[in-house]
Amino acid sequence: MSDSIVVLAKKLGQALAKTEEFKLKSESEFALRSNPDANNAVKEFQTLKKSFLRMEKMGHMLSDKNNAQLKKAEEVAMQNLLVKDWYEKSQNFYDFVIAVNTKMQEGIVVNNDK
């Protein structure tokens, strides 16, 4: 039974990859990666965010200045239309995946009730 569930999971992944949400996310990601300005804006934001996360894991509190830096980097990145489009399309796809996961969780609850 476990093997058939794994096979179903792979088929579900393949089905998700065929959705319009995934197609739009992939296209916007390709456009972003193809544009040096957009790509650099995202990399700068992600690098700063990772750095601050490491600081927090080491027990350091982020200062107001750190939070302002991160917010500014995000604002700069989101001013690029390709970044904004990629972010929105990615969010749409991940919202869809969350909805699928919610339905799977409902199925688990229903099966446990029997």
N, C-alpha and C. Protein backbone atom coordinates (compact mmCIF):
# COMPACT_ATOMS: atom_id res chain seq x y z
N MET A 1 0.83 -1.20 0.00
CA MET A 1 0.00 0.00 0.00
C MET A 1 0.87 1.26 0.00
N SER A 2 1.95 1.26 0.79
CA SER A 2 2.81 2.44 0.86
C SER A 2 3.41 2.77 -0.50
N ASP A 3 3.81 1.74 -1.25
CA ASP A 3 4.39 1.98 -2.56
C ASP A 3 3.39 2.65 -3.50
N SER A 4 2.13 2.23 -3.43
CA SER A 4 1.13 2.83 -4.31
C SER A 4 0.87 4.29 -3.93
N ILE A 5 1.01 4.62 -2.67
CA ILE A 5 0.84 6.01 -2.25
C ILE A 5 1.98 6.86 -2.80
N VAL A 6 3.19 6.31 -2.78
CA VAL A 6 4.34 7.03 -3.34
C VAL A 6 4.14 7.25 -4.84
N VAL A 7 3.62 6.26 -5.52
CA VAL A 7 3.34 6.39 -6.96
C VAL A 7 2.28 7.48 -7.17
N LEU A 8 1.24 7.49 -6.34
CA LEU A 8 0.21 8.52 -6.45
C LEU A 8 0.79 9.90 -6.18
N ALA A 9 1.70 10.00 -5.23
CA ALA A 9 2.32 11.29 -4.91
C ALA A 9 3.11 11.81 -6.11
N LYS A 10 3.84 10.90 -6.79
CA LYS A 10 4.59 11.30 -7.97
C LYS A 10 3.64 11.77 -9.07
N LYS A 11 2.53 11.05 -9.25
CA LYS A 11 1.54 11.45 -10.25
C LYS A 11 0.92 12.80 -9.90
N LEU A 12 0.71 13.04 -8.62
CA LEU A 12 0.18 14.33 -8.18
C LEU A 12 1.19 15.43 -8.51
N GLY A 13 2.47 15.18 -8.24
CA GLY A 13 3.50 16.16 -8.59
C GLY A 13 3.54 16.44 -10.08
N GLN A 14 3.41 15.39 -10.88
CA GLN A 14 3.39 15.57 -12.33
C GLN A 14 2.16 16.37 -12.76
N ALA A 15 1.03 16.12 -12.12
CA ALA A 15 -0.19 16.86 -12.43
C ALA A 15 -0.03 18.34 -12.04
N LEU A 16 0.58 18.58 -10.89
CA LEU A 16 0.81 19.97 -10.46
C LEU A 16 1.70 20.70 -11.46
N ALA A 17 2.68 19.98 -12.00
CA ALA A 17 3.60 20.59 -12.97
C ALA A 17 2.90 20.95 -14.29
N LYS A 18 1.73 20.40 -14.51
CA LYS A 18 0.97 20.68 -15.74
C LYS A 18 -0.07 21.78 -15.55
N THR A 19 -0.18 22.31 -14.33
CA THR A 19 -1.19 23.33 -14.06
C THR A 19 -0.78 24.68 -14.65
N GLU A 20 -1.77 25.51 -14.88
CA GLU A 20 -1.52 26.87 -15.36
C GLU A 20 -0.72 27.66 -14.32
N GLU A 21 -1.01 27.44 -13.05
CA GLU A 21 -0.29 28.14 -11.98
C GLU A 21 1.21 27.85 -12.04
N PHE A 22 1.56 26.58 -12.24
CA PHE A 22 2.97 26.20 -12.32
C PHE A 22 3.61 26.77 -13.58
N LYS A 23 2.89 26.70 -14.69
CA LYS A 23 3.41 27.21 -15.96
C LYS A 23 3.72 28.70 -15.83
N LEU A 24 2.80 29.47 -15.25
CA LEU A 24 3.01 30.91 -15.09
C LEU A 24 4.17 31.20 -14.15
N LYS A 25 4.27 30.43 -13.07
CA LYS A 25 5.38 30.60 -12.12
C LYS A 25 6.71 30.33 -12.82
N SER A 26 6.78 29.27 -13.59
CA SER A 26 8.01 28.90 -14.28
C SER A 26 8.41 29.94 -15.32
N GLU A 27 7.43 30.44 -16.07
CA GLU A 27 7.72 31.46 -17.08
C GLU A 27 8.24 32.74 -16.43
N SER A 28 7.62 33.13 -15.32
CA SER A 28 8.05 34.36 -14.66
C SER A 28 9.43 34.18 -14.03
N GLU A 29 9.72 32.97 -13.55
CA GLU A 29 11.04 32.69 -12.98
C GLU A 29 12.12 32.75 -14.07
N PHE A 30 11.81 32.21 -15.24
CA PHE A 30 12.75 32.26 -16.36
C PHE A 30 13.02 33.71 -16.76
N ALA A 31 11.96 34.50 -16.83
CA ALA A 31 12.12 35.92 -17.19
C ALA A 31 12.98 36.64 -16.16
N LEU A 32 12.75 36.36 -14.89
CA LEU A 32 13.52 36.98 -13.82
C LEU A 32 14.99 36.60 -13.93
N ARG A 33 15.27 35.31 -14.11
CA ARG A 33 16.66 34.84 -14.18
C ARG A 33 17.37 35.36 -15.43
N SER A 34 16.60 35.69 -16.46
CA SER A 34 17.18 36.18 -17.71
C SER A 34 17.50 37.67 -17.66
N ASN A 35 17.05 38.34 -16.62
CA ASN A 35 17.26 39.77 -16.50
C ASN A 35 18.23 40.04 -15.35
N PRO A 36 19.43 40.52 -15.66
CA PRO A 36 20.44 40.73 -14.61
C PRO A 36 19.99 41.65 -13.48
N ASP A 37 19.28 42.74 -13.81
CA ASP A 37 18.84 43.67 -12.77
C ASP A 37 17.86 43.00 -11.81
N ALA A 38 16.89 42.30 -12.36
CA ALA A 38 15.90 41.62 -11.53
C ALA A 38 16.56 40.51 -10.70
N ASN A 39 17.39 39.75 -11.35
CA ASN A 39 18.08 38.65 -10.68
C ASN A 39 18.95 39.16 -9.53
N ASN A 40 19.68 40.24 -9.77
CA ASN A 40 20.54 40.80 -8.72
C ASN A 40 19.73 41.36 -7.56
N ALA A 41 18.60 41.99 -7.85
CA ALA A 41 17.76 42.54 -6.79
C ALA A 41 17.28 41.43 -5.87
N VAL A 42 16.87 40.31 -6.44
CA VAL A 42 16.40 39.18 -5.64
C VAL A 42 17.56 38.58 -4.85
N LYS A 43 18.71 38.42 -5.49
CA LYS A 43 19.88 37.85 -4.81
C LYS A 43 20.31 38.72 -3.63
N GLU A 44 20.32 40.03 -3.82
CA GLU A 44 20.71 40.93 -2.74
C GLU A 44 19.76 40.80 -1.55
N PHE A 45 18.47 40.76 -1.83
CA PHE A 45 17.49 40.60 -0.76
C PHE A 45 17.67 39.25 -0.05
N GLN A 46 17.80 38.19 -0.83
CA GLN A 46 17.92 36.85 -0.24
C GLN A 46 19.22 36.70 0.57
N THR A 47 20.30 37.29 0.09
CA THR A 47 21.57 37.23 0.82
C THR A 47 21.45 37.94 2.16
N LEU A 48 20.85 39.12 2.14
CA LEU A 48 20.66 39.87 3.38
C LEU A 48 19.75 39.12 4.35
N LYS A 49 18.68 38.56 3.82
CA LYS A 49 17.74 37.82 4.66
C LYS A 49 18.42 36.60 5.31
N LYS A 50 19.20 35.86 4.52
CA LYS A 50 19.92 34.70 5.05
C LYS A 50 20.91 35.12 6.13
N SER A 51 21.58 36.22 5.90
CA SER A 51 22.55 36.72 6.88
C SER A 51 21.85 37.06 8.20
N PHE A 52 20.71 37.71 8.12
CA PHE A 52 19.99 38.08 9.33
C PHE A 52 19.40 36.85 10.02
N LEU A 53 18.98 35.86 9.25
CA LEU A 53 18.48 34.61 9.86
C LEU A 53 19.59 33.90 10.63
N ARG A 54 20.80 33.90 10.06
CA ARG A 54 21.94 33.31 10.76
C ARG A 54 22.22 34.05 12.06
N MET A 55 22.13 35.37 12.01
CA MET A 55 22.34 36.16 13.22
C MET A 55 21.33 35.77 14.30
N GLU A 56 20.08 35.63 13.89
CA GLU A 56 19.02 35.26 14.85
C GLU A 56 19.26 33.87 15.42
N LYS A 57 19.68 32.94 14.58
CA LYS A 57 19.96 31.58 15.06
C LYS A 57 21.10 31.56 16.07
N MET A 58 22.01 32.52 15.93
CA MET A 58 23.13 32.61 16.86
C MET A 58 22.75 33.37 18.13
N GLY A 59 21.49 33.78 18.22
CA GLY A 59 21.01 34.44 19.43
C GLY A 59 21.07 35.94 19.41
N HIS A 60 21.42 36.53 18.28
CA HIS A 60 21.48 37.99 18.18
C HIS A 60 20.11 38.54 17.79
N MET A 61 19.70 39.55 18.49
CA MET A 61 18.45 40.23 18.14
C MET A 61 18.71 41.18 16.97
N LEU A 62 17.78 41.23 16.04
CA LEU A 62 17.93 42.17 14.93
C LEU A 62 17.58 43.57 15.41
N SER A 63 18.37 44.51 15.01
CA SER A 63 18.13 45.90 15.39
C SER A 63 17.09 46.51 14.45
N ASP A 64 16.61 47.67 14.83
CA ASP A 64 15.70 48.40 13.95
C ASP A 64 16.39 48.72 12.63
N LYS A 65 17.70 48.98 12.71
CA LYS A 65 18.46 49.26 11.50
C LYS A 65 18.50 48.03 10.59
N ASN A 66 18.70 46.83 11.18
CA ASN A 66 18.70 45.59 10.39
C ASN A 66 17.36 45.39 9.71
N ASN A 67 16.29 45.57 10.47
CA ASN A 67 14.93 45.39 9.92
C ASN A 67 14.66 46.40 8.82
N ALA A 68 15.14 47.62 9.00
CA ALA A 68 14.96 48.66 7.97
C ALA A 68 15.74 48.30 6.71
N GLN A 69 16.96 47.75 6.89
CA GLN A 69 17.77 47.33 5.74
C GLN A 69 17.04 46.25 4.94
N LEU A 70 16.49 45.28 5.66
CA LEU A 70 15.79 44.18 5.00
C LEU A 70 14.55 44.69 4.27
N LYS A 71 13.80 45.55 4.93
CA LYS A 71 12.59 46.10 4.31
C LYS A 71 12.96 46.90 3.06
N LYS A 72 14.02 47.68 3.14
CA LYS A 72 14.45 48.49 2.00
C LYS A 72 14.88 47.59 0.83
N ALA A 73 15.63 46.53 1.13
CA ALA A 73 16.06 45.60 0.07
C ALA A 73 14.85 44.95 -0.59
N GLU A 74 13.84 44.61 0.21
CA GLU A 74 12.63 44.01 -0.36
C GLU A 74 11.89 45.03 -1.23
N GLU A 75 11.80 46.25 -0.76
CA GLU A 75 11.11 47.30 -1.54
C GLU A 75 11.82 47.55 -2.87
N VAL A 76 13.14 47.59 -2.82
CA VAL A 76 13.92 47.81 -4.04
C VAL A 76 13.68 46.66 -5.02
N ALA A 77 13.73 45.44 -4.52
CA ALA A 77 13.49 44.27 -5.39
C ALA A 77 12.09 44.31 -5.99
N MET A 78 11.10 44.63 -5.17
CA MET A 78 9.71 44.60 -5.64
C MET A 78 9.38 45.75 -6.61
N GLN A 79 10.25 46.75 -6.70
CA GLN A 79 10.04 47.82 -7.67
C GLN A 79 10.29 47.32 -9.09
N ASN A 80 11.05 46.25 -9.21
CA ASN A 80 11.31 45.66 -10.52
C ASN A 80 10.07 44.84 -10.91
N LEU A 81 9.49 45.15 -12.04
CA LEU A 81 8.25 44.50 -12.46
C LEU A 81 8.40 42.99 -12.65
N LEU A 82 9.58 42.55 -13.09
CA LEU A 82 9.80 41.12 -13.26
C LEU A 82 9.84 40.41 -11.91
N VAL A 83 10.43 41.06 -10.91
CA VAL A 83 10.48 40.49 -9.57
C VAL A 83 9.07 40.42 -9.00
N LYS A 84 8.34 41.49 -9.14
CA LYS A 84 6.96 41.54 -8.62
C LYS A 84 6.09 40.46 -9.28
N ASP A 85 6.22 40.32 -10.59
CA ASP A 85 5.45 39.31 -11.31
C ASP A 85 5.83 37.90 -10.84
N TRP A 86 7.14 37.64 -10.72
CA TRP A 86 7.61 36.34 -10.25
C TRP A 86 7.08 36.04 -8.86
N TYR A 87 7.14 37.02 -7.98
CA TYR A 87 6.67 36.84 -6.60
C TYR A 87 5.17 36.51 -6.59
N GLU A 88 4.40 37.26 -7.32
CA GLU A 88 2.94 37.04 -7.35
C GLU A 88 2.60 35.67 -7.95
N LYS A 89 3.25 35.30 -9.03
CA LYS A 89 2.97 34.00 -9.67
C LYS A 89 3.42 32.86 -8.77
N SER A 90 4.55 33.03 -8.10
CA SER A 90 5.02 32.00 -7.16
C SER A 90 4.04 31.85 -6.02
N GLN A 91 3.57 32.97 -5.48
CA GLN A 91 2.60 32.91 -4.38
C GLN A 91 1.32 32.21 -4.82
N ASN A 92 0.86 32.50 -6.03
CA ASN A 92 -0.35 31.85 -6.54
C ASN A 92 -0.16 30.34 -6.61
N PHE A 93 1.01 29.91 -7.11
CA PHE A 93 1.25 28.47 -7.20
C PHE A 93 1.33 27.85 -5.82
N TYR A 94 2.06 28.48 -4.90
CA TYR A 94 2.20 27.90 -3.56
C TYR A 94 0.87 27.92 -2.80
N ASP A 95 0.04 28.91 -3.05
CA ASP A 95 -1.30 28.92 -2.45
C ASP A 95 -2.11 27.72 -2.97
N PHE A 96 -1.94 27.43 -4.25
CA PHE A 96 -2.63 26.28 -4.84
C PHE A 96 -2.13 24.97 -4.22
N VAL A 97 -0.81 24.86 -4.03
CA VAL A 97 -0.23 23.66 -3.40
C VAL A 97 -0.74 23.52 -1.97
N ILE A 98 -0.86 24.62 -1.27
CA ILE A 98 -1.40 24.58 0.10
C ILE A 98 -2.84 24.10 0.09
N ALA A 99 -3.62 24.55 -0.89
CA ALA A 99 -5.01 24.10 -1.00
C ALA A 99 -5.06 22.60 -1.27
N VAL A 100 -4.16 22.09 -2.10
CA VAL A 100 -4.09 20.65 -2.38
C VAL A 100 -3.71 19.91 -1.10
N ASN A 101 -2.73 20.42 -0.39
CA ASN A 101 -2.30 19.80 0.85
C ASN A 101 -3.42 19.79 1.89
N THR A 102 -4.18 20.86 1.95
CA THR A 102 -5.32 20.93 2.87
C THR A 102 -6.32 19.82 2.56
N LYS A 103 -6.58 19.60 1.29
CA LYS A 103 -7.51 18.52 0.90
C LYS A 103 -6.95 17.16 1.27
N MET A 104 -5.64 16.98 1.14
CA MET A 104 -5.03 15.71 1.55
C MET A 104 -5.19 15.52 3.05
N GLN A 105 -5.00 16.59 3.81
CA GLN A 105 -5.16 16.52 5.26
C GLN A 105 -6.61 16.18 5.63
N GLU A 106 -7.55 16.75 4.89
CA GLU A 106 -8.96 16.43 5.12
C GLU A 106 -9.20 14.94 4.88
N GLY A 107 -8.57 14.40 3.86
CA GLY A 107 -8.70 12.97 3.57
C GLY A 107 -8.15 12.11 4.69
N ILE A 108 -7.07 12.55 5.30
CA ILE A 108 -6.48 11.80 6.42
C ILE A 108 -7.42 11.83 7.61
N VAL A 109 -8.01 12.97 7.90
CA VAL A 109 -8.95 13.11 9.02
C VAL A 109 -10.18 12.24 8.77
N VAL A 110 -10.71 12.28 7.55
CA VAL A 110 -11.90 11.49 7.22
C VAL A 110 -11.61 10.01 7.40
N ASN A 111 -10.44 9.56 6.93
CA ASN A 111 -10.10 8.14 7.04
C ASN A 111 -9.88 7.73 8.49
N ASN A 112 -9.42 8.62 9.34
CA ASN A 112 -9.22 8.29 10.74
C ASN A 112 -10.54 8.20 11.49
N ASP A 113 -11.57 8.84 10.97
CA ASP A 113 -12.88 8.81 11.63
C ASP A 113 -13.60 7.48 11.46
N LYS A 114 -13.20 6.72 10.47
CA LYS A 114 -13.89 5.45 10.18
C LYS A 114 -13.49 4.36 11.10
